[in-house]
Amino acid sequence: MADAKSLRRTRRERPLSPHLQVYSPLINMVASIMHRVSGAGLYFGALLFAWWLMAAAIGPDYFNFVNGLFGTWLGRIVLLGFTWLLILHALGGIRHYIWDLGRGFDLHTIDKLSWGSLILSVVLTGLIWLVAGLVGPLATPIAG
């Protein structure tokens, strides 16, 4: 009985929780982090979209002002980033839906889905902007 009490009082050295510096980043870790970051970034993009809609409701002069801001090189970079975040988050959602169906849990498929969502988001963003550039300018003034 004395031995049992002495074992309880001695503390074993427990391993510390590993820090991010210990792990080498795997593609599924990167895809998961990017999915969360893109979701947070979409809040900012939703505010910009709401601002654009409010400008359209206020009147043509203010709408042309907001469209002019979005038509600058900085505005286009922001819109390009918003487009990429939107597509990346949607593809990440599809990836998670596949997992919710109980499929794609083997390591090879996880890697393919992760790489696919990252690469396809860049390709689709490029295609959208290519088509938008071919169709017409982004900032078309409204007569008013």
N, C-alpha and C. Protein backbone atom coordinates (compact mmCIF):
# COMPACT_ATOMS: atom_id res chain seq x y z
N MET A 1 0.81 -1.19 0.00
CA MET A 1 0.00 0.00 0.00
C MET A 1 0.86 1.26 0.00
N ALA A 2 1.98 1.20 0.67
CA ALA A 2 2.88 2.35 0.70
C ALA A 2 3.46 2.62 -0.68
N ASP A 3 3.69 1.54 -1.45
CA ASP A 3 4.23 1.72 -2.80
C ASP A 3 3.24 2.44 -3.71
N ALA A 4 1.97 2.16 -3.55
CA ALA A 4 0.95 2.81 -4.39
C ALA A 4 0.92 4.31 -4.15
N LYS A 5 1.02 4.73 -2.91
CA LYS A 5 1.02 6.16 -2.62
C LYS A 5 2.27 6.84 -3.13
N SER A 6 3.38 6.19 -3.05
CA SER A 6 4.63 6.80 -3.50
C SER A 6 4.63 6.95 -5.02
N LEU A 7 3.95 6.05 -5.74
CA LEU A 7 3.88 6.20 -7.19
C LEU A 7 2.99 7.37 -7.58
N ARG A 8 1.99 7.63 -6.81
CA ARG A 8 1.10 8.75 -7.12
C ARG A 8 1.80 10.09 -6.91
N ARG A 9 2.68 10.13 -5.97
CA ARG A 9 3.32 11.40 -5.67
C ARG A 9 4.47 11.71 -6.62
N THR A 10 5.04 10.74 -7.22
CA THR A 10 6.12 11.01 -8.17
C THR A 10 5.49 11.36 -9.51
N ARG A 11 5.93 12.43 -10.05
CA ARG A 11 5.38 12.89 -11.32
C ARG A 11 6.29 12.45 -12.45
N ARG A 12 5.67 11.85 -13.43
CA ARG A 12 6.43 11.49 -14.63
C ARG A 12 6.61 12.73 -15.48
N GLU A 13 7.71 12.79 -16.20
CA GLU A 13 7.92 13.88 -17.12
C GLU A 13 7.00 13.70 -18.31
N ARG A 14 6.11 14.64 -18.50
CA ARG A 14 5.17 14.57 -19.61
C ARG A 14 5.71 15.40 -20.76
N PRO A 15 5.46 14.96 -21.96
CA PRO A 15 5.96 15.75 -23.11
C PRO A 15 5.18 17.06 -23.22
N LEU A 16 5.89 18.08 -23.63
CA LEU A 16 5.24 19.36 -23.87
C LEU A 16 4.51 19.30 -25.20
N SER A 17 3.51 20.10 -25.32
CA SER A 17 2.77 20.15 -26.58
C SER A 17 3.69 20.72 -27.65
N PRO A 18 3.79 20.06 -28.78
CA PRO A 18 4.72 20.54 -29.81
C PRO A 18 4.26 21.88 -30.40
N HIS A 19 5.20 22.70 -30.69
CA HIS A 19 4.93 24.00 -31.26
C HIS A 19 4.91 23.88 -32.78
N LEU A 20 4.40 24.91 -33.45
CA LEU A 20 4.32 24.88 -34.91
C LEU A 20 5.69 24.73 -35.57
N GLN A 21 6.75 25.16 -34.87
CA GLN A 21 8.09 25.04 -35.44
C GLN A 21 8.53 23.59 -35.52
N VAL A 22 7.89 22.70 -34.77
CA VAL A 22 8.27 21.29 -34.78
C VAL A 22 7.72 20.60 -36.03
N TYR A 23 6.51 21.02 -36.45
CA TYR A 23 5.87 20.38 -37.59
C TYR A 23 6.39 20.94 -38.90
N SER A 24 6.57 20.07 -39.88
CA SER A 24 6.80 20.57 -41.23
C SER A 24 5.42 20.71 -41.86
N PRO A 25 5.18 21.83 -42.52
CA PRO A 25 3.82 22.07 -43.02
C PRO A 25 3.42 21.06 -44.10
N LEU A 26 2.30 20.42 -43.88
CA LEU A 26 1.74 19.50 -44.86
C LEU A 26 0.70 20.27 -45.67
N ILE A 27 0.41 19.80 -46.86
CA ILE A 27 -0.51 20.52 -47.73
C ILE A 27 -1.92 20.59 -47.13
N ASN A 28 -2.33 19.56 -46.40
CA ASN A 28 -3.66 19.63 -45.79
C ASN A 28 -3.70 20.66 -44.66
N MET A 29 -2.57 20.86 -43.96
CA MET A 29 -2.50 21.91 -42.95
C MET A 29 -2.60 23.29 -43.61
N VAL A 30 -1.87 23.46 -44.70
CA VAL A 30 -1.88 24.74 -45.42
C VAL A 30 -3.28 25.02 -45.96
N ALA A 31 -3.93 23.99 -46.55
CA ALA A 31 -5.27 24.18 -47.10
C ALA A 31 -6.27 24.51 -46.01
N SER A 32 -6.13 23.90 -44.85
CA SER A 32 -7.03 24.19 -43.74
C SER A 32 -6.85 25.61 -43.25
N ILE A 33 -5.61 26.04 -43.09
CA ILE A 33 -5.33 27.39 -42.64
C ILE A 33 -5.83 28.41 -43.68
N MET A 34 -5.59 28.13 -44.96
CA MET A 34 -6.04 29.03 -46.01
C MET A 34 -7.57 29.11 -46.06
N HIS A 35 -8.24 28.01 -45.77
CA HIS A 35 -9.70 28.03 -45.75
C HIS A 35 -10.20 28.96 -44.65
N ARG A 36 -9.56 28.92 -43.50
CA ARG A 36 -9.95 29.80 -42.40
C ARG A 36 -9.62 31.25 -42.71
N VAL A 37 -8.43 31.48 -43.27
CA VAL A 37 -8.02 32.85 -43.61
C VAL A 37 -8.95 33.42 -44.69
N SER A 38 -9.30 32.60 -45.68
CA SER A 38 -10.18 33.09 -46.74
C SER A 38 -11.57 33.41 -46.19
N GLY A 39 -12.04 32.61 -45.25
CA GLY A 39 -13.33 32.91 -44.63
C GLY A 39 -13.31 34.24 -43.90
N ALA A 40 -12.22 34.51 -43.20
CA ALA A 40 -12.10 35.79 -42.51
C ALA A 40 -11.97 36.94 -43.50
N GLY A 41 -11.23 36.73 -44.58
CA GLY A 41 -11.07 37.77 -45.60
C GLY A 41 -12.35 38.09 -46.33
N LEU A 42 -13.24 37.12 -46.42
CA LEU A 42 -14.51 37.36 -47.10
C LEU A 42 -15.40 38.33 -46.33
N TYR A 43 -15.19 38.48 -45.02
CA TYR A 43 -15.92 39.49 -44.27
C TYR A 43 -15.58 40.89 -44.81
N PHE A 44 -14.30 41.13 -45.04
CA PHE A 44 -13.87 42.41 -45.60
C PHE A 44 -14.44 42.60 -47.00
N GLY A 45 -14.42 41.56 -47.82
CA GLY A 45 -14.97 41.64 -49.17
C GLY A 45 -16.47 41.88 -49.16
N ALA A 46 -17.16 41.31 -48.19
CA ALA A 46 -18.61 41.53 -48.09
C ALA A 46 -18.90 42.99 -47.75
N LEU A 47 -18.05 43.61 -46.93
CA LEU A 47 -18.23 45.03 -46.64
C LEU A 47 -18.03 45.87 -47.90
N LEU A 48 -17.03 45.52 -48.71
CA LEU A 48 -16.82 46.23 -49.96
C LEU A 48 -18.00 46.05 -50.91
N PHE A 49 -18.52 44.84 -50.97
CA PHE A 49 -19.67 44.57 -51.83
C PHE A 49 -20.90 45.35 -51.35
N ALA A 50 -21.12 45.41 -50.04
CA ALA A 50 -22.24 46.17 -49.49
C ALA A 50 -22.06 47.66 -49.78
N TRP A 51 -20.83 48.15 -49.70
CA TRP A 51 -20.54 49.55 -50.01
C TRP A 51 -20.88 49.84 -51.47
N TRP A 52 -20.50 48.93 -52.35
CA TRP A 52 -20.78 49.09 -53.78
C TRP A 52 -22.29 49.10 -54.04
N LEU A 53 -23.03 48.20 -53.38
CA LEU A 53 -24.48 48.17 -53.54
C LEU A 53 -25.14 49.44 -52.98
N MET A 54 -24.66 49.92 -51.85
CA MET A 54 -25.20 51.16 -51.28
C MET A 54 -24.91 52.34 -52.19
N ALA A 55 -23.73 52.35 -52.80
CA ALA A 55 -23.40 53.43 -53.73
C ALA A 55 -24.34 53.40 -54.93
N ALA A 56 -24.70 52.21 -55.39
CA ALA A 56 -25.65 52.11 -56.50
C ALA A 56 -27.02 52.62 -56.08
N ALA A 57 -27.39 52.41 -54.84
CA ALA A 57 -28.69 52.86 -54.36
C ALA A 57 -28.72 54.36 -54.09
N ILE A 58 -27.57 54.93 -53.71
CA ILE A 58 -27.52 56.36 -53.38
C ILE A 58 -27.69 57.21 -54.63
N GLY A 59 -27.01 56.85 -55.69
CA GLY A 59 -27.14 57.64 -56.91
C GLY A 59 -25.98 57.42 -57.85
N PRO A 60 -26.13 57.88 -59.09
CA PRO A 60 -25.10 57.62 -60.10
C PRO A 60 -23.76 58.30 -59.83
N ASP A 61 -23.78 59.49 -59.24
CA ASP A 61 -22.51 60.17 -58.98
C ASP A 61 -21.66 59.42 -57.97
N TYR A 62 -22.29 59.03 -56.87
CA TYR A 62 -21.55 58.29 -55.85
C TYR A 62 -21.16 56.90 -56.36
N PHE A 63 -22.04 56.29 -57.15
CA PHE A 63 -21.71 54.99 -57.72
C PHE A 63 -20.50 55.09 -58.65
N ASN A 64 -20.44 56.15 -59.46
CA ASN A 64 -19.27 56.35 -60.34
C ASN A 64 -18.01 56.59 -59.53
N PHE A 65 -18.14 57.28 -58.38
CA PHE A 65 -16.99 57.50 -57.51
C PHE A 65 -16.46 56.17 -56.96
N VAL A 66 -17.37 55.33 -56.44
CA VAL A 66 -16.96 54.03 -55.88
C VAL A 66 -16.41 53.13 -56.98
N ASN A 67 -17.07 53.11 -58.13
CA ASN A 67 -16.56 52.32 -59.26
C ASN A 67 -15.19 52.82 -59.69
N GLY A 68 -14.99 54.12 -59.64
CA GLY A 68 -13.67 54.67 -59.98
C GLY A 68 -12.60 54.19 -59.02
N LEU A 69 -12.95 54.11 -57.73
CA LEU A 69 -11.98 53.59 -56.76
C LEU A 69 -11.66 52.12 -57.03
N PHE A 70 -12.70 51.34 -57.33
CA PHE A 70 -12.48 49.93 -57.63
C PHE A 70 -11.74 49.75 -58.95
N GLY A 71 -11.79 50.76 -59.82
CA GLY A 71 -11.12 50.66 -61.11
C GLY A 71 -9.65 51.04 -61.09
N THR A 72 -9.16 51.59 -59.97
CA THR A 72 -7.74 51.92 -59.87
C THR A 72 -6.93 50.63 -59.75
N TRP A 73 -5.62 50.75 -59.90
CA TRP A 73 -4.79 49.54 -59.82
C TRP A 73 -4.89 48.91 -58.44
N LEU A 74 -4.96 49.72 -57.39
CA LEU A 74 -5.09 49.18 -56.03
C LEU A 74 -6.46 48.53 -55.85
N GLY A 75 -7.50 49.17 -56.36
CA GLY A 75 -8.84 48.60 -56.27
C GLY A 75 -8.95 47.28 -57.00
N ARG A 76 -8.30 47.21 -58.15
CA ARG A 76 -8.34 45.95 -58.91
C ARG A 76 -7.57 44.84 -58.21
N ILE A 77 -6.49 45.19 -57.55
CA ILE A 77 -5.75 44.18 -56.78
C ILE A 77 -6.61 43.67 -55.63
N VAL A 78 -7.33 44.57 -54.96
CA VAL A 78 -8.23 44.17 -53.87
C VAL A 78 -9.33 43.26 -54.42
N LEU A 79 -9.91 43.63 -55.57
CA LEU A 79 -10.96 42.81 -56.17
C LEU A 79 -10.42 41.46 -56.64
N LEU A 80 -9.20 41.45 -57.14
CA LEU A 80 -8.57 40.19 -57.54
C LEU A 80 -8.39 39.29 -56.32
N GLY A 81 -7.92 39.86 -55.22
CA GLY A 81 -7.77 39.09 -53.99
C GLY A 81 -9.10 38.59 -53.46
N PHE A 82 -10.14 39.44 -53.54
CA PHE A 82 -11.46 39.01 -53.09
C PHE A 82 -11.98 37.87 -53.96
N THR A 83 -11.77 37.97 -55.25
CA THR A 83 -12.20 36.89 -56.15
C THR A 83 -11.50 35.59 -55.80
N TRP A 84 -10.18 35.66 -55.58
CA TRP A 84 -9.43 34.45 -55.25
C TRP A 84 -9.90 33.86 -53.92
N LEU A 85 -10.11 34.73 -52.91
CA LEU A 85 -10.57 34.24 -51.61
C LEU A 85 -11.94 33.57 -51.71
N LEU A 86 -12.81 34.17 -52.51
CA LEU A 86 -14.15 33.61 -52.68
C LEU A 86 -14.10 32.22 -53.32
N ILE A 87 -13.30 32.08 -54.35
CA ILE A 87 -13.20 30.79 -55.04
C ILE A 87 -12.47 29.77 -54.16
N LEU A 88 -11.40 30.20 -53.51
CA LEU A 88 -10.67 29.29 -52.63
C LEU A 88 -11.56 28.78 -51.51
N HIS A 89 -12.36 29.65 -50.93
CA HIS A 89 -13.23 29.24 -49.83
C HIS A 89 -14.33 28.31 -50.33
N ALA A 90 -14.85 28.59 -51.52
CA ALA A 90 -15.88 27.71 -52.09
C ALA A 90 -15.32 26.32 -52.38
N LEU A 91 -14.13 26.25 -52.93
CA LEU A 91 -13.51 24.95 -53.21
C LEU A 91 -13.16 24.22 -51.92
N GLY A 92 -12.73 24.97 -50.90
CA GLY A 92 -12.49 24.35 -49.60
C GLY A 92 -13.77 23.81 -49.00
N GLY A 93 -14.87 24.51 -49.23
CA GLY A 93 -16.17 24.02 -48.77
C GLY A 93 -16.57 22.74 -49.47
N ILE A 94 -16.28 22.64 -50.76
CA ILE A 94 -16.56 21.41 -51.51
C ILE A 94 -15.71 20.27 -50.96
N ARG A 95 -14.45 20.58 -50.66
CA ARG A 95 -13.55 19.57 -50.08
C ARG A 95 -14.11 19.06 -48.75
N HIS A 96 -14.58 19.97 -47.93
CA HIS A 96 -15.16 19.56 -46.65
C HIS A 96 -16.47 18.80 -46.83
N TYR A 97 -17.23 19.17 -47.85
CA TYR A 97 -18.48 18.44 -48.11
C TYR A 97 -18.19 17.00 -48.52
N ILE A 98 -17.15 16.81 -49.30
CA ILE A 98 -16.74 15.45 -49.68
C ILE A 98 -16.38 14.65 -48.42
N TRP A 99 -15.68 15.29 -47.51
CA TRP A 99 -15.33 14.60 -46.26
C TRP A 99 -16.57 14.36 -45.41
N ASP A 100 -17.54 15.28 -45.45
CA ASP A 100 -18.79 15.08 -44.69
C ASP A 100 -19.57 13.88 -45.22
N LEU A 101 -19.38 13.56 -46.49
CA LEU A 101 -20.02 12.39 -47.07
C LEU A 101 -19.31 11.10 -46.67
N GLY A 102 -18.19 11.24 -45.98
CA GLY A 102 -17.45 10.06 -45.53
C GLY A 102 -16.49 9.52 -46.57
N ARG A 103 -16.13 10.34 -47.52
CA ARG A 103 -15.23 9.89 -48.60
C ARG A 103 -13.95 10.72 -48.56
N GLY A 104 -12.93 10.17 -49.19
CA GLY A 104 -11.69 10.90 -49.38
C GLY A 104 -10.82 11.04 -48.16
N PHE A 105 -10.86 10.07 -47.26
CA PHE A 105 -10.06 10.17 -46.05
C PHE A 105 -8.69 9.51 -46.15
N ASP A 106 -8.41 8.83 -47.26
CA ASP A 106 -7.07 8.26 -47.38
C ASP A 106 -6.09 9.39 -47.70
N LEU A 107 -4.85 9.23 -47.29
CA LEU A 107 -3.88 10.32 -47.35
C LEU A 107 -3.66 10.84 -48.77
N HIS A 108 -3.65 9.93 -49.74
CA HIS A 108 -3.43 10.34 -51.12
C HIS A 108 -4.57 11.25 -51.60
N THR A 109 -5.81 10.91 -51.28
CA THR A 109 -6.95 11.72 -51.69
C THR A 109 -6.98 13.05 -50.94
N ILE A 110 -6.61 13.05 -49.69
CA ILE A 110 -6.55 14.29 -48.92
C ILE A 110 -5.56 15.25 -49.57
N ASP A 111 -4.39 14.73 -49.94
CA ASP A 111 -3.39 15.57 -50.60
C ASP A 111 -3.89 16.08 -51.94
N LYS A 112 -4.53 15.21 -52.73
CA LYS A 112 -5.05 15.62 -54.03
C LYS A 112 -6.13 16.69 -53.90
N LEU A 113 -7.03 16.52 -52.95
CA LEU A 113 -8.08 17.52 -52.74
C LEU A 113 -7.49 18.85 -52.27
N SER A 114 -6.49 18.78 -51.41
CA SER A 114 -5.87 20.01 -50.89
C SER A 114 -5.13 20.75 -52.00
N TRP A 115 -4.28 20.03 -52.73
CA TRP A 115 -3.56 20.65 -53.85
C TRP A 115 -4.55 21.14 -54.90
N GLY A 116 -5.57 20.34 -55.17
CA GLY A 116 -6.54 20.71 -56.19
C GLY A 116 -7.28 21.98 -55.86
N SER A 117 -7.68 22.15 -54.60
CA SER A 117 -8.41 23.36 -54.23
C SER A 117 -7.52 24.60 -54.34
N LEU A 118 -6.25 24.47 -53.96
CA LEU A 118 -5.34 25.62 -54.06
C LEU A 118 -5.03 25.97 -55.51
N ILE A 119 -4.70 24.97 -56.32
CA ILE A 119 -4.33 25.23 -57.72
C ILE A 119 -5.54 25.67 -58.53
N LEU A 120 -6.66 24.98 -58.36
CA LEU A 120 -7.86 25.31 -59.12
C LEU A 120 -8.38 26.71 -58.78
N SER A 121 -8.20 27.14 -57.55
CA SER A 121 -8.64 28.49 -57.19
C SER A 121 -7.85 29.56 -57.95
N VAL A 122 -6.56 29.33 -58.11
CA VAL A 122 -5.74 30.29 -58.87
C VAL A 122 -6.14 30.26 -60.35
N VAL A 123 -6.34 29.07 -60.90
CA VAL A 123 -6.71 28.95 -62.31
C VAL A 123 -8.07 29.59 -62.57
N LEU A 124 -9.06 29.29 -61.74
CA LEU A 124 -10.39 29.85 -61.93
C LEU A 124 -10.41 31.37 -61.75
N THR A 125 -9.63 31.87 -60.80
CA THR A 125 -9.53 33.32 -60.63
C THR A 125 -8.94 33.96 -61.88
N GLY A 126 -7.89 33.36 -62.43
CA GLY A 126 -7.31 33.87 -63.66
C GLY A 126 -8.29 33.85 -64.82
N LEU A 127 -9.05 32.77 -64.93
CA LEU A 127 -10.04 32.68 -66.01
C LEU A 127 -11.14 33.73 -65.86
N ILE A 128 -11.61 33.93 -64.65
CA ILE A 128 -12.65 34.94 -64.42
C ILE A 128 -12.14 36.32 -64.80
N TRP A 129 -10.93 36.64 -64.38
CA TRP A 129 -10.39 37.96 -64.70
C TRP A 129 -10.04 38.09 -66.17
N LEU A 130 -9.66 37.01 -66.80
CA LEU A 130 -9.41 37.04 -68.25
C LEU A 130 -10.70 37.32 -69.00
N VAL A 131 -11.77 36.63 -68.64
CA VAL A 131 -13.07 36.85 -69.28
C VAL A 131 -13.57 38.26 -68.99
N ALA A 132 -13.41 38.72 -67.75
CA ALA A 132 -13.84 40.07 -67.39
C ALA A 132 -13.05 41.11 -68.19
N GLY A 133 -11.79 40.87 -68.42
CA GLY A 133 -10.98 41.79 -69.21
C GLY A 133 -11.36 41.78 -70.68
N LEU A 134 -11.80 40.63 -71.19
CA LEU A 134 -12.20 40.54 -72.58
C LEU A 134 -13.59 41.12 -72.81
N VAL A 135 -14.47 41.00 -71.82
CA VAL A 135 -15.84 41.47 -71.96
C VAL A 135 -15.91 42.98 -71.93
N GLY A 136 -15.19 43.58 -71.02
CA GLY A 136 -15.23 45.04 -70.96
C GLY A 136 -14.55 45.56 -69.72
N PRO A 137 -14.41 46.87 -69.63
CA PRO A 137 -13.75 47.45 -68.45
C PRO A 137 -14.58 47.23 -67.20
N LEU A 138 -13.89 47.20 -66.07
CA LEU A 138 -14.59 46.99 -64.80
C LEU A 138 -15.36 48.21 -64.35
N ALA A 139 -14.85 49.38 -64.64
CA ALA A 139 -15.47 50.62 -64.16
C ALA A 139 -16.16 51.32 -65.34
N THR A 140 -17.41 50.98 -65.58
CA THR A 140 -18.18 51.64 -66.64
C THR A 140 -19.05 52.70 -65.97
N PRO A 141 -18.84 53.96 -66.33
CA PRO A 141 -19.64 55.01 -65.67
C PRO A 141 -21.11 54.93 -66.08
N ILE A 142 -21.96 55.31 -65.14
CA ILE A 142 -23.40 55.37 -65.40
C ILE A 142 -23.74 56.82 -65.72
N ALA A 143 -24.49 57.00 -66.79
CA ALA A 143 -24.90 58.37 -67.16
C ALA A 143 -25.85 58.90 -66.10
N GLY A 144 -25.65 60.11 -65.69
CA GLY A 144 -26.54 60.63 -64.65
C GLY A 144 -26.50 62.06 -64.62
